[in-house]
PDB file of N, CA and C in Angstrom:
ATOM      1  N   LEU A   1       7.123   0.802   8.890  1.00  0.00           N
ATOM      2  CA  LEU A   1       6.821   0.612  10.292  1.00  0.00           C
ATOM      3  C   LEU A   1       6.314  -0.824  10.476  1.00  0.00           C
ATOM      4  N   PHE A   2       6.828  -1.479  11.484  1.00  0.00           N
ATOM      5  CA  PHE A   2       6.331  -2.824  11.835  1.00  0.00           C
ATOM      6  C   PHE A   2       5.576  -2.794  13.121  1.00  0.00           C
ATOM      7  N   PHE A   3       4.427  -3.407  13.158  1.00  0.00           N
ATOM      8  CA  PHE A   3       3.683  -3.658  14.427  1.00  0.00           C
ATOM      9  C   PHE A   3       3.658  -5.161  14.589  1.00  0.00           C
ATOM     10  N   ILE A   4       4.095  -5.606  15.767  1.00  0.00           N
ATOM     11  CA  ILE A   4       4.096  -7.066  16.053  1.00  0.00           C
ATOM     12  C   ILE A   4       3.290  -7.256  17.347  1.00  0.00           C
ATOM     13  N   GLY A   5       2.134  -7.941  17.187  1.00  0.00           N
ATOM     14  CA  GLY A   5       1.299  -8.230  18.357  1.00  0.00           C
ATOM     15  C   GLY A   5       1.667  -9.587  18.953  1.00  0.00           C
ATOM     16  N   THR A   6       1.705  -9.660  20.267  1.00  0.00           N
ATOM     17  CA  THR A   6       2.073 -10.891  20.931  1.00  0.00           C
ATOM     18  C   THR A   6       0.990 -11.299  21.934  1.00  0.00           C
ATOM     19  N   VAL A   7       1.017 -12.570  22.343  1.00  0.00           N
ATOM     20  CA  VAL A   7       0.069 -13.108  23.295  1.00  0.00           C
ATOM     21  C   VAL A   7       0.471 -12.553  24.686  1.00  0.00           C
ATOM     22  N   ARG A   8      -0.475 -11.878  25.333  1.00  0.00           N
ATOM     23  CA  ARG A   8      -0.230 -11.289  26.648  1.00  0.00           C
ATOM     24  C   ARG A   8      -0.527 -12.311  27.744  1.00  0.00           C
ATOM     25  N   ASP A   9       0.020 -12.071  28.932  1.00  0.00           N
ATOM     26  CA  ASP A   9      -0.080 -13.035  30.034  1.00  0.00           C
ATOM     27  C   ASP A   9      -1.374 -12.948  30.823  1.00  0.00           C
ATOM     28  N   HIS A  10      -2.177 -11.883  30.678  1.00  0.00           N
ATOM     29  CA  HIS A  10      -3.418 -11.779  31.418  1.00  0.00           C
ATOM     30  C   HIS A  10      -4.521 -11.253  30.524  1.00  0.00           C
ATOM     31  N   ASN A  11      -5.758 -11.683  30.792  1.00  0.00           N
ATOM     32  CA  ASN A  11      -6.955 -11.132  30.177  1.00  0.00           C
ATOM     33  C   ASN A  11      -8.127 -11.381  31.118  1.00  0.00           C
ATOM     34  N   ASN A  12      -8.915 -10.387  31.337  1.00  0.00           N
ATOM     35  CA  ASN A  12     -10.088 -10.540  32.216  1.00  0.00           C
ATOM     36  C   ASN A  12      -9.729 -11.161  33.563  1.00  0.00           C
ATOM     37  N   GLU A  13      -8.615 -10.710  34.140  1.00  0.00           N
ATOM     38  CA  GLU A  13      -8.133 -11.166  35.448  1.00  0.00           C
ATOM     39  C   GLU A  13      -7.802 -12.666  35.485  1.00  0.00           C
ATOM     40  N   LYS A  14      -7.486 -13.252  34.332  1.00  0.00           N
ATOM     41  CA  LYS A  14      -7.069 -14.669  34.277  1.00  0.00           C
ATOM     42  C   LYS A  14      -5.658 -14.711  33.709  1.00  0.00           C
ATOM     43  N   GLU A  15      -4.868 -15.700  34.193  1.00  0.00           N
ATOM     44  CA  GLU A  15      -3.529 -15.872  33.711  1.00  0.00           C
ATOM     45  C   GLU A  15      -3.534 -16.696  32.416  1.00  0.00           C
ATOM     46  N   VAL A  16      -3.145 -16.064  31.327  1.00  0.00           N
ATOM     47  CA  VAL A  16      -3.196 -16.674  29.991  1.00  0.00           C
ATOM     48  C   VAL A  16      -1.866 -17.425  29.746  1.00  0.00           C
ATOM     49  N   THR A  17      -1.940 -18.646  29.236  1.00  0.00           N
ATOM     50  CA  THR A  17      -0.739 -19.390  28.868  1.00  0.00           C
ATOM     51  C   THR A  17      -0.544 -19.504  27.370  1.00  0.00           C
ATOM     52  N   GLY A  18      -1.600 -19.183  26.606  1.00  0.00           N
ATOM     53  CA  GLY A  18      -1.524 -19.238  25.141  1.00  0.00           C
ATOM     54  C   GLY A  18      -2.909 -18.996  24.552  1.00  0.00           C
ATOM     55  N   ILE A  19      -2.964 -18.866  23.234  1.00  0.00           N
ATOM     56  CA  ILE A  19      -4.207 -18.635  22.542  1.00  0.00           C
ATOM     57  C   ILE A  19      -4.219 -19.511  21.280  1.00  0.00           C
ATOM     58  N   THR A  20      -5.359 -20.148  21.006  1.00  0.00           N
ATOM     59  CA  THR A  20      -5.571 -20.858  19.751  1.00  0.00           C
ATOM     60  C   THR A  20      -6.447 -19.943  18.891  1.00  0.00           C
ATOM     61  N   TYR A  21      -5.915 -19.623  17.693  1.00  0.00           N
ATOM     62  CA  TYR A  21      -6.656 -18.756  16.769  1.00  0.00           C
ATOM     63  C   TYR A  21      -7.269 -19.634  15.676  1.00  0.00           C
ATOM     64  N   ASP A  22      -8.479 -19.299  15.272  1.00  0.00           N
ATOM     65  CA  ASP A  22      -9.135 -19.923  14.145  1.00  0.00           C
ATOM     66  C   ASP A  22      -9.724 -18.822  13.296  1.00  0.00           C
ATOM     67  N   SER A  23      -9.925 -19.104  12.034  1.00  0.00           N
ATOM     68  CA  SER A  23     -10.482 -18.055  11.142  1.00  0.00           C
ATOM     69  C   SER A  23     -11.075 -18.702   9.889  1.00  0.00           C
ATOM     70  N   HIS A  24     -11.814 -17.889   9.182  1.00  0.00           N
ATOM     71  CA  HIS A  24     -12.334 -18.272   7.876  1.00  0.00           C
ATOM     72  C   HIS A  24     -11.395 -17.574   6.877  1.00  0.00           C
ATOM     73  N   ASP A  25     -10.465 -18.322   6.287  1.00  0.00           N
ATOM     74  CA  ASP A  25      -9.392 -17.727   5.522  1.00  0.00           C
ATOM     75  C   ASP A  25      -9.876 -16.856   4.364  1.00  0.00           C
ATOM     76  N   VAL A  26     -10.838 -17.279   3.598  1.00  0.00           N
ATOM     77  CA  VAL A  26     -11.346 -16.491   2.489  1.00  0.00           C
ATOM     78  C   VAL A  26     -11.935 -15.166   2.963  1.00  0.00           C
ATOM     79  N   MET A  27     -12.706 -15.248   4.065  1.00  0.00           N
ATOM     80  CA  MET A  27     -13.322 -14.032   4.613  1.00  0.00           C
ATOM     81  C   MET A  27     -12.273 -13.088   5.237  1.00  0.00           C
ATOM     82  N   VAL A  28     -11.237 -13.675   5.811  1.00  0.00           N
ATOM     83  CA  VAL A  28     -10.186 -12.860   6.415  1.00  0.00           C
ATOM     84  C   VAL A  28      -9.493 -12.079   5.282  1.00  0.00           C
ATOM     85  N   LYS A  29      -9.159 -12.740   4.200  1.00  0.00           N
ATOM     86  CA  LYS A  29      -8.489 -12.069   3.103  1.00  0.00           C
ATOM     87  C   LYS A  29      -9.387 -10.941   2.581  1.00  0.00           C
ATOM     88  N   LYS A  30     -10.641 -11.191   2.391  1.00  0.00           N
ATOM     89  CA  LYS A  30     -11.584 -10.187   1.930  1.00  0.00           C
ATOM     90  C   LYS A  30     -11.641  -8.999   2.907  1.00  0.00           C
ATOM     91  N   SER A  31     -11.687  -9.308   4.191  1.00  0.00           N
ATOM     92  CA  SER A  31     -11.724  -8.247   5.212  1.00  0.00           C
ATOM     93  C   SER A  31     -10.458  -7.398   5.177  1.00  0.00           C
ATOM     94  N   PHE A  32      -9.290  -8.033   5.060  1.00  0.00           N
ATOM     95  CA  PHE A  32      -8.044  -7.304   4.954  1.00  0.00           C
ATOM     96  C   PHE A  32      -8.062  -6.363   3.757  1.00  0.00           C
ATOM     97  N   GLU A  33      -8.537  -6.852   2.613  1.00  0.00           N
ATOM     98  CA  GLU A  33      -8.596  -6.030   1.389  1.00  0.00           C
ATOM     99  C   GLU A  33      -9.536  -4.851   1.583  1.00  0.00           C
ATOM    100  N   GLU A  34     -10.687  -5.071   2.201  1.00  0.00           N
ATOM    101  CA  GLU A  34     -11.653  -3.975   2.468  1.00  0.00           C
ATOM    102  C   GLU A  34     -11.055  -2.917   3.400  1.00  0.00           C
ATOM    103  N   ILE A  35     -10.384  -3.391   4.448  1.00  0.00           N
ATOM    104  CA  ILE A  35      -9.756  -2.446   5.409  1.00  0.00           C
ATOM    105  C   ILE A  35      -8.682  -1.640   4.674  1.00  0.00           C
ATOM    106  N   TYR A  36      -7.865  -2.277   3.847  1.00  0.00           N
ATOM    107  CA  TYR A  36      -6.845  -1.586   3.102  1.00  0.00           C
ATOM    108  C   TYR A  36      -7.455  -0.490   2.225  1.00  0.00           C
ATOM    109  N   ASN A  37      -8.467  -0.841   1.461  1.00  0.00           N
ATOM    110  CA  ASN A  37      -9.104   0.119   0.544  1.00  0.00           C
ATOM    111  C   ASN A  37      -9.780   1.277   1.301  1.00  0.00           C
ATOM    112  N   GLU A  38     -10.413   0.969   2.450  1.00  0.00           N
ATOM    113  CA  GLU A  38     -11.026   2.015   3.252  1.00  0.00           C
ATOM    114  C   GLU A  38      -9.970   2.957   3.815  1.00  0.00           C
ATOM    115  N   ALA A  39      -8.847   2.386   4.235  1.00  0.00           N
ATOM    116  CA  ALA A  39      -7.778   3.231   4.784  1.00  0.00           C
ATOM    117  C   ALA A  39      -7.246   4.195   3.735  1.00  0.00           C
ATOM    118  N   ILE A  40      -7.070   3.732   2.505  1.00  0.00           N
ATOM    119  CA  ILE A  40      -6.561   4.591   1.436  1.00  0.00           C
ATOM    120  C   ILE A  40      -7.502   5.784   1.255  1.00  0.00           C
ATOM    121  N   LYS A  41      -8.782   5.520   1.222  1.00  0.00           N
ATOM    122  CA  LYS A  41      -9.754   6.605   1.043  1.00  0.00           C
ATOM    123  C   LYS A  41      -9.838   7.526   2.270  1.00  0.00           C
ATOM    124  N   LYS A  42     -10.008   6.912   3.417  1.00  0.00           N
ATOM    125  CA  LYS A  42     -10.182   7.702   4.652  1.00  0.00           C
ATOM    126  C   LYS A  42      -8.964   8.552   5.008  1.00  0.00           C
ATOM    127  N   LEU A  43      -7.782   7.952   4.833  1.00  0.00           N
ATOM    128  CA  LEU A  43      -6.546   8.626   5.223  1.00  0.00           C
ATOM    129  C   LEU A  43      -5.867   9.389   4.047  1.00  0.00           C
ATOM    130  N   ASP A  44      -6.487   9.306   2.859  1.00  0.00           N
ATOM    131  CA  ASP A  44      -5.961   9.941   1.672  1.00  0.00           C
ATOM    132  C   ASP A  44      -4.509   9.539   1.407  1.00  0.00           C
ATOM    133  N   LEU A  45      -4.253   8.220   1.359  1.00  0.00           N
ATOM    134  CA  LEU A  45      -2.909   7.685   1.180  1.00  0.00           C
ATOM    135  C   LEU A  45      -2.575   7.590  -0.318  1.00  0.00           C
ATOM    136  N   GLN A  46      -1.343   7.876  -0.624  1.00  0.00           N
ATOM    137  CA  GLN A  46      -0.824   7.768  -2.005  1.00  0.00           C
ATOM    138  C   GLN A  46       0.122   6.601  -2.081  1.00  0.00           C
ATOM    139  N   HIS A  47      -0.211   5.564  -2.761  1.00  0.00           N
ATOM    140  CA  HIS A  47       0.650   4.398  -3.005  1.00  0.00           C
ATOM    141  C   HIS A  47       1.208   3.754  -1.721  1.00  0.00           C
ATOM    142  N   PRO A  48       0.334   3.461  -0.766  1.00  0.00           N
ATOM    143  CA  PRO A  48       0.842   2.814   0.463  1.00  0.00           C
ATOM    144  C   PRO A  48       1.174   1.343   0.176  1.00  0.00           C
ATOM    145  N   VAL A  49       2.062   0.811   0.966  1.00  0.00           N
ATOM    146  CA  VAL A  49       2.412  -0.599   0.912  1.00  0.00           C
ATOM    147  C   VAL A  49       2.087  -1.211   2.265  1.00  0.00           C
ATOM    148  N   VAL A  50       1.497  -2.420   2.262  1.00  0.00           N
ATOM    149  CA  VAL A  50       1.137  -3.055   3.521  1.00  0.00           C
ATOM    150  C   VAL A  50       1.296  -4.567   3.417  1.00  0.00           C
ATOM    151  N   PHE A  51       1.716  -5.151   4.551  1.00  0.00           N
ATOM    152  CA  PHE A  51       1.766  -6.620   4.688  1.00  0.00           C
ATOM    153  C   PHE A  51       1.102  -6.932   6.035  1.00  0.00           C
ATOM    154  N   VAL A  52       0.161  -7.879   5.999  1.00  0.00           N
ATOM    155  CA  VAL A  52      -0.509  -8.310   7.230  1.00  0.00           C
ATOM    156  C   VAL A  52      -0.504  -9.837   7.261  1.00  0.00           C
ATOM    157  N   GLU A  53      -0.096 -10.393   8.383  1.00  0.00           N
ATOM    158  CA  GLU A  53      -0.149 -11.847   8.589  1.00  0.00           C
ATOM    159  C   GLU A  53      -0.647 -12.094  10.002  1.00  0.00           C
ATOM    160  N   HIS A  54      -1.690 -12.925  10.151  1.00  0.00           N
ATOM    161  CA  HIS A  54      -2.229 -13.285  11.443  1.00  0.00           C
ATOM    162  C   HIS A  54      -2.037 -14.758  11.679  1.00  0.00           C
ATOM    163  N   ALA A  55      -1.665 -15.104  12.910  1.00  0.00           N
ATOM    164  CA  ALA A  55      -1.456 -16.496  13.280  1.00  0.00           C
ATOM    165  C   ALA A  55      -2.777 -17.289  13.206  1.00  0.00           C
ATOM    166  N   LYS A  56      -2.625 -18.580  12.962  1.00  0.00           N
ATOM    167  CA  LYS A  56      -3.759 -19.510  13.019  1.00  0.00           C
ATOM    168  C   LYS A  56      -3.235 -20.756  13.729  1.00  0.00           C
ATOM    169  N   GLY A  57      -4.016 -21.260  14.672  1.00  0.00           N
ATOM    170  CA  GLY A  57      -3.549 -22.372  15.497  1.00  0.00           C
ATOM    171  C   GLY A  57      -3.068 -21.859  16.841  1.00  0.00           C
ATOM    172  N   TYR A  58      -2.341 -22.696  17.564  1.00  0.00           N
ATOM    173  CA  TYR A  58      -1.938 -22.368  18.921  1.00  0.00           C
ATOM    174  C   TYR A  58      -0.694 -21.461  18.904  1.00  0.00           C
ATOM    175  N   VAL A  59      -0.760 -20.407  19.750  1.00  0.00           N
ATOM    176  CA  VAL A  59       0.384 -19.488  19.899  1.00  0.00           C
ATOM    177  C   VAL A  59       0.629 -19.384  21.414  1.00  0.00           C
ATOM    178  N   PRO A  60       1.821 -19.723  21.884  1.00  0.00           N
ATOM    179  CA  PRO A  60       2.103 -19.678  23.318  1.00  0.00           C
ATOM    180  C   PRO A  60       2.279 -18.260  23.825  1.00  0.00           C
ATOM    181  N   LEU A  61       2.290 -18.124  25.145  1.00  0.00           N
ATOM    182  CA  LEU A  61       2.531 -16.834  25.794  1.00  0.00           C
ATOM    183  C   LEU A  61       3.770 -16.191  25.226  1.00  0.00           C
ATOM    184  N   GLY A  62       3.657 -14.942  24.816  1.00  0.00           N
ATOM    185  CA  GLY A  62       4.772 -14.188  24.264  1.00  0.00           C
ATOM    186  C   GLY A  62       4.965 -14.423  22.763  1.00  0.00           C
ATOM    187  N   GLY A  63       4.247 -15.393  22.205  1.00  0.00           N
ATOM    188  CA  GLY A  63       4.372 -15.706  20.787  1.00  0.00           C
ATOM    189  C   GLY A  63       3.710 -14.609  19.920  1.00  0.00           C
ATOM    190  N   ILE A  64       4.116 -14.573  18.655  1.00  0.00           N
ATOM    191  CA  ILE A  64       3.595 -13.543  17.757  1.00  0.00           C
ATOM    192  C   ILE A  64       2.228 -13.959  17.225  1.00  0.00           C
ATOM    193  N   SER A  65       1.242 -13.087  17.383  1.00  0.00           N
ATOM    194  CA  SER A  65      -0.090 -13.352  16.892  1.00  0.00           C
ATOM    195  C   SER A  65      -0.376 -12.617  15.566  1.00  0.00           C
ATOM    196  N   ILE A  66       0.213 -11.438  15.396  1.00  0.00           N
ATOM    197  CA  ILE A  66      -0.019 -10.659  14.157  1.00  0.00           C
ATOM    198  C   ILE A  66       1.203  -9.825  13.847  1.00  0.00           C
ATOM    199  N   ILE A  67       1.469  -9.693  12.561  1.00  0.00           N
ATOM    200  CA  ILE A  67       2.527  -8.786  12.056  1.00  0.00           C
ATOM    201  C   ILE A  67       1.870  -7.883  11.012  1.00  0.00           C
ATOM    202  N   ILE A  68       2.102  -6.591  11.197  1.00  0.00           N
ATOM    203  CA  ILE A  68       1.638  -5.608  10.232  1.00  0.00           C
ATOM    204  C   ILE A  68       2.849  -4.762   9.866  1.00  0.00           C
ATOM    205  N   ALA A  69       3.135  -4.643   8.570  1.00  0.00           N
ATOM    206  CA  ALA A  69       4.206  -3.809   8.092  1.00  0.00           C
ATOM    207  C   ALA A  69       3.592  -2.788   7.098  1.00  0.00           C
ATOM    208  N   VAL A  70       3.864  -1.533   7.297  1.00  0.00           N
ATOM    209  CA  VAL A  70       3.292  -0.483   6.400  1.00  0.00           C
ATOM    210  C   VAL A  70       4.378   0.486   5.972  1.00  0.00           C
ATOM    211  N   ALA A  71       4.206   0.999   4.780  1.00  0.00           N
ATOM    212  CA  ALA A  71       5.098   2.051   4.260  1.00  0.00           C
ATOM    213  C   ALA A  71       4.228   3.082   3.534  1.00  0.00           C
ATOM    214  N   CYS A  72       4.516   4.328   3.831  1.00  0.00           N
ATOM    215  CA  CYS A  72       3.816   5.460   3.198  1.00  0.00           C
ATOM    216  C   CYS A  72       4.833   6.561   2.980  1.00  0.00           C
ATOM    217  N   LYS A  73       4.368   7.595   2.288  1.00  0.00           N
ATOM    218  CA  LYS A  73       5.249   8.716   1.946  1.00  0.00           C
ATOM    219  C   LYS A  73       5.652   9.540   3.180  1.00  0.00           C
ATOM    220  N   HIS A  74       4.751   9.648   4.130  1.00  0.00           N
ATOM    221  CA  HIS A  74       4.981  10.505   5.318  1.00  0.00           C
ATOM    222  C   HIS A  74       4.822   9.711   6.615  1.00  0.00           C
ATOM    223  N   ARG A  75       5.584  10.108   7.632  1.00  0.00           N
ATOM    224  CA  ARG A  75       5.630   9.412   8.926  1.00  0.00           C
ATOM    225  C   ARG A  75       4.248   9.373   9.582  1.00  0.00           C
ATOM    226  N   LYS A  76       3.534  10.487   9.601  1.00  0.00           N
ATOM    227  CA  LYS A  76       2.213  10.509  10.235  1.00  0.00           C
ATOM    228  C   LYS A  76       1.259   9.529   9.552  1.00  0.00           C
ATOM    229  N   GLN A  77       1.316   9.420   8.249  1.00  0.00           N
ATOM    230  CA  GLN A  77       0.480   8.476   7.492  1.00  0.00           C
ATOM    231  C   GLN A  77       0.793   7.029   7.915  1.00  0.00           C
ATOM    232  N   VAL A  78       2.051   6.738   8.090  1.00  0.00           N
ATOM    233  CA  VAL A  78       2.450   5.374   8.472  1.00  0.00           C
ATOM    234  C   VAL A  78       1.804   4.976   9.803  1.00  0.00           C
ATOM    235  N   TYR A  79       1.902   5.880  10.789  1.00  0.00           N
ATOM    236  CA  TYR A  79       1.324   5.546  12.092  1.00  0.00           C
ATOM    237  C   TYR A  79      -0.217   5.501  12.051  1.00  0.00           C
ATOM    238  N   ASP A  80      -0.829   6.426  11.365  1.00  0.00           N
ATOM    239  CA  ASP A  80      -2.279   6.417  11.220  1.00  0.00           C
ATOM    240  C   ASP A  80      -2.755   5.158  10.471  1.00  0.00           C
ATOM    241  N   PHE A  81      -2.048   4.805   9.435  1.00  0.00           N
ATOM    242  CA  PHE A  81      -2.399   3.620   8.606  1.00  0.00           C
ATOM    243  C   PHE A  81      -2.282   2.354   9.455  1.00  0.00           C
ATOM    244  N   SER A  82      -1.178   2.193  10.182  1.00  0.00           N
ATOM    245  CA  SER A  82      -0.964   1.022  11.010  1.00  0.00           C
ATOM    246  C   SER A  82      -2.060   0.910  12.093  1.00  0.00           C
ATOM    247  N   ARG A  83      -2.355   2.011  12.757  1.00  0.00           N
ATOM    248  CA  ARG A  83      -3.384   2.010  13.803  1.00  0.00           C
ATOM    249  C   ARG A  83      -4.756   1.660  13.221  1.00  0.00           C
ATOM    250  N   PHE A  84      -5.071   2.236  12.084  1.00  0.00           N
ATOM    251  CA  PHE A  84      -6.370   1.981  11.420  1.00  0.00           C
ATOM    252  C   PHE A  84      -6.499   0.500  11.131  1.00  0.00           C
ATOM    253  N   ILE A  85      -5.442  -0.097  10.582  1.00  0.00           N
ATOM    254  CA  ILE A  85      -5.464  -1.520  10.205  1.00  0.00           C
ATOM    255  C   ILE A  85      -5.735  -2.406  11.437  1.00  0.00           C
ATOM    256  N   ILE A  86      -4.929  -2.232  12.492  1.00  0.00           N
ATOM    257  CA  ILE A  86      -5.077  -3.135  13.650  1.00  0.00           C
ATOM    258  C   ILE A  86      -6.438  -2.942  14.324  1.00  0.00           C
ATOM    259  N   GLU A  87      -6.890  -1.714  14.426  1.00  0.00           N
ATOM    260  CA  GLU A  87      -8.180  -1.468  15.074  1.00  0.00           C
ATOM    261  C   GLU A  87      -9.335  -2.051  14.281  1.00  0.00           C
ATOM    262  N   GLU A  88      -9.291  -1.933  12.984  1.00  0.00           N
ATOM    263  CA  GLU A  88     -10.365  -2.483  12.134  1.00  0.00           C
ATOM    264  C   GLU A  88     -10.325  -4.016  12.089  1.00  0.00           C
ATOM    265  N   ILE A  89      -9.143  -4.590  12.076  1.00  0.00           N
ATOM    266  CA  ILE A  89      -9.030  -6.060  12.132  1.00  0.00           C
ATOM    267  C   ILE A  89      -9.662  -6.538  13.426  1.00  0.00           C
ATOM    268  N   LYS A  90      -9.363  -5.929  14.531  1.00  0.00           N
ATOM    269  CA  LYS A  90      -9.929  -6.379  15.815  1.00  0.00           C
ATOM    270  C   LYS A  90     -11.445  -6.213  15.859  1.00  0.00           C
ATOM    271  N   LYS A  91     -11.970  -5.183  15.182  1.00  0.00           N
ATOM    272  CA  LYS A  91     -13.412  -4.905  15.191  1.00  0.00           C
ATOM    273  C   LYS A  91     -14.202  -5.892  14.350  1.00  0.00           C
ATOM    274  N   ARG A  92     -13.652  -6.273  13.150  1.00  0.00           N
ATOM    275  CA  ARG A  92     -14.547  -6.910  12.204  1.00  0.00           C
ATOM    276  C   ARG A  92     -14.029  -8.113  11.417  1.00  0.00           C
ATOM    277  N   THR A  93     -12.791  -8.479  11.584  1.00  0.00           N
ATOM    278  CA  THR A  93     -12.252  -9.618  10.833  1.00  0.00           C
ATOM    279  C   THR A  93     -12.604 -10.915  11.536  1.00  0.00           C
ATOM    280  N   PRO A  94     -13.098 -11.933  10.774  1.00  0.00           N
ATOM    281  CA  PRO A  94     -13.527 -13.205  11.403  1.00  0.00           C
ATOM    282  C   PRO A  94     -12.330 -14.072  11.824  1.00  0.00           C
ATOM    283  N   ILE A  95     -11.702 -13.640  12.929  1.00  0.00           N
ATOM    284  CA  ILE A  95     -10.637 -14.411  13.602  1.00  0.00           C
ATOM    285  C   ILE A  95     -11.090 -14.594  15.003  1.00  0.00           C
ATOM    286  N   TRP A  96     -11.116 -15.854  15.455  1.00  0.00           N
ATOM    287  CA  TRP A  96     -11.644 -16.199  16.777  1.00  0.00           C
ATOM    288  C   TRP A  96     -10.521 -16.697  17.659  1.00  0.00           C
ATOM    289  N   LYS A  97     -10.669 -16.442  18.993  1.00  0.00           N
ATOM    290  CA  LYS A  97      -9.623 -16.796  19.961  1.00  0.00           C
ATOM    291  C   LYS A  97     -10.175 -17.735  21.038  1.00  0.00           C
ATOM    292  N   LYS A  98      -9.393 -18.763  21.272  1.00  0.00           N
ATOM    293  CA  LYS A  98      -9.650 -19.653  22.427  1.00  0.00           C
ATOM    294  C   LYS A  98      -8.468 -19.452  23.358  1.00  0.00           C
ATOM    295  N   GLU A  99      -8.749 -18.855  24.509  1.00  0.00           N
ATOM    296  CA  GLU A  99      -7.674 -18.590  25.482  1.00  0.00           C
ATOM    297  C   GLU A  99      -7.460 -19.814  26.363  1.00  0.00           C
ATOM    298  N   HIS A 100      -6.179 -20.085  26.600  1.00  0.00           N
ATOM    299  CA  HIS A 100      -5.749 -21.163  27.502  1.00  0.00           C
ATOM    300  C   HIS A 100      -5.255 -20.517  28.788  1.00  0.00           C
ATOM    301  N   TYR A 101      -5.713 -21.039  29.903  1.00  0.00           N
ATOM    302  CA  TYR A 101      -5.426 -20.419  31.198  1.00  0.00           C
ATOM    303  C   TYR A 101      -4.667 -21.358  32.100  1.00  0.00           C
ATOM    304  N   LYS A 102      -3.887 -20.770  32.984  1.00  0.00           N
ATOM    305  CA  LYS A 102      -3.156 -21.561  33.990  1.00  0.00           C
ATOM    306  C   LYS A 102      -4.165 -22.034  35.033  1.00  0.00           C
ATOM    307  N   GLY A 103      -4.290 -23.356  35.186  1.00  0.00           N
ATOM    308  CA  GLY A 103      -5.175 -23.925  36.200  1.00  0.00           C
ATOM    309  C   GLY A 103      -6.640 -23.856  35.920  1.00  0.00           C
ATOM    310  N   GLU A 104      -7.018 -23.464  34.704  1.00  0.00           N
ATOM    311  CA  GLU A 104      -8.454 -23.386  34.366  1.00  0.00           C
ATOM    312  C   GLU A 104      -8.650 -23.949  32.968  1.00  0.00           C
ATOM    313  N   ASP A 105      -9.914 -24.253  32.655  1.00  0.00           N
ATOM    314  CA  ASP A 105     -10.251 -24.727  31.311  1.00  0.00           C
ATOM    315  C   ASP A 105     -10.101 -23.593  30.331  1.00  0.00           C
ATOM    316  N   ALA A 106      -9.705 -23.929  29.115  1.00  0.00           N
ATOM    317  CA  ALA A 106      -9.630 -22.947  28.023  1.00  0.00           C
ATOM    318  C   ALA A 106     -11.071 -22.547  27.625  1.00  0.00           C
ATOM    319  N   GLU A 107     -11.192 -21.350  27.066  1.00  0.00           N
ATOM    320  CA  GLU A 107     -12.525 -20.924  26.636  1.00  0.00           C
ATOM    321  C   GLU A 107     -12.419 -20.033  25.404  1.00  0.00           C
ATOM    322  N   TRP A 108     -13.433 -20.200  24.524  1.00  0.00           N
ATOM    323  CA  TRP A 108     -13.525 -19.350  23.338  1.00  0.00           C
ATOM    324  C   TRP A 108     -14.081 -17.987  23.780  1.00  0.00           C
ATOM    325  N   LEU A 109     -13.451 -16.927  23.288  1.00  0.00           N
ATOM    326  CA  LEU A 109     -13.908 -15.583  23.553  1.00  0.00           C
ATOM    327  C   LEU A 109     -14.931 -15.160  22.513  1.00  0.00           C
ATOM    328  N   ASP A 110     -15.753 -14.197  22.885  1.00  0.00           N
ATOM    329  CA  ASP A 110     -16.705 -13.660  21.899  1.00  0.00           C
ATOM    330  C   ASP A 110     -15.911 -13.119  20.734  1.00  0.00           C
ATOM    331  N   GLY A 111     -16.316 -13.459  19.509  1.00  0.00           N
ATOM    332  CA  GLY A 111     -15.596 -12.992  18.346  1.00  0.00           C
ATOM    333  C   GLY A 111     -16.540 -12.328  17.353  1.00  0.00           C
ATOM    334  N   GLN A 112     -16.056 -12.094  16.199  1.00  0.00           N
ATOM    335  CA  GLN A 112     -16.862 -11.469  15.146  1.00  0.00           C
ATOM    336  C   GLN A 112     -17.818 -12.487  14.545  1.00  0.00           C
ATOM    337  N   LYS A 113     -19.071 -12.107  14.456  1.00  0.00           N
ATOM    338  CA  LYS A 113     -20.051 -12.970  13.850  1.00  0.00           C
ATOM    339  C   LYS A 113     -19.947 -12.877  12.352  1.00  0.00           C
ATOM    340  N   VAL A 114     -20.140 -14.021  11.687  1.00  0.00           N
ATOM    341  CA  VAL A 114     -20.119 -14.064  10.255  1.00  0.00           C
ATOM    342  C   VAL A 114     -21.512 -13.841   9.732  1.00  0.00           C
ATOM    343  N   GLU A 115     -21.689 -12.818   8.945  1.00  0.00           N
ATOM    344  CA  GLU A 115     -23.005 -12.521   8.328  1.00  0.00           C
ATOM    345  C   GLU A 115     -23.079 -13.153   6.959  1.00  0.00           C
ATOM    346  N   VAL A 116     -24.116 -13.894   6.728  1.00  0.00           N
ATOM    347  CA  VAL A 116     -24.334 -14.519   5.412  1.00  0.00           C
ATOM    348  C   VAL A 116     -25.308 -13.675   4.638  1.00  0.00           C
ATOM    349  N   LYS A 117     -24.873 -13.170   3.476  1.00  0.00           N
ATOM    350  CA  LYS A 117     -25.738 -12.326   2.668  1.00  0.00           C
ATOM    351  C   LYS A 117     -26.495 -13.208   1.707  1.00  0.00           C
ATOM    352  N   LYS A 118     -27.795 -12.921   1.598  1.00  0.00           N
ATOM    353  CA  LYS A 118     -28.653 -13.716   0.688  1.00  0.00           C
ATOM    354  C   LYS A 118     -28.822 -13.018  -0.631  1.00  0.00           C
TER     355      LYS A 118
END
């Protein structure tokens, strides 16, 4: 199953023309691995296969921001796995968005805070 996320034309009642993504690459990779491992346990998956790639830099309206490909033994697992991955990435992966608007200044949206463990 492939999930392809694209830049939408509106957010918070503003007309979006594109998004600039930034991230902490090492922390993103770690987050993706944690999400994968949690999904295996939570969804009781047997030998799942996953590919995740998120854009970094400017992505225009309609451009691809994320690709998720998953394979599992059963159809229900594939859909549950894909949904779990995208929802958890949105909740906790350190990827930040600067939205560009038609006729307005671009602005950084609230993103995931990076916690430094001592």
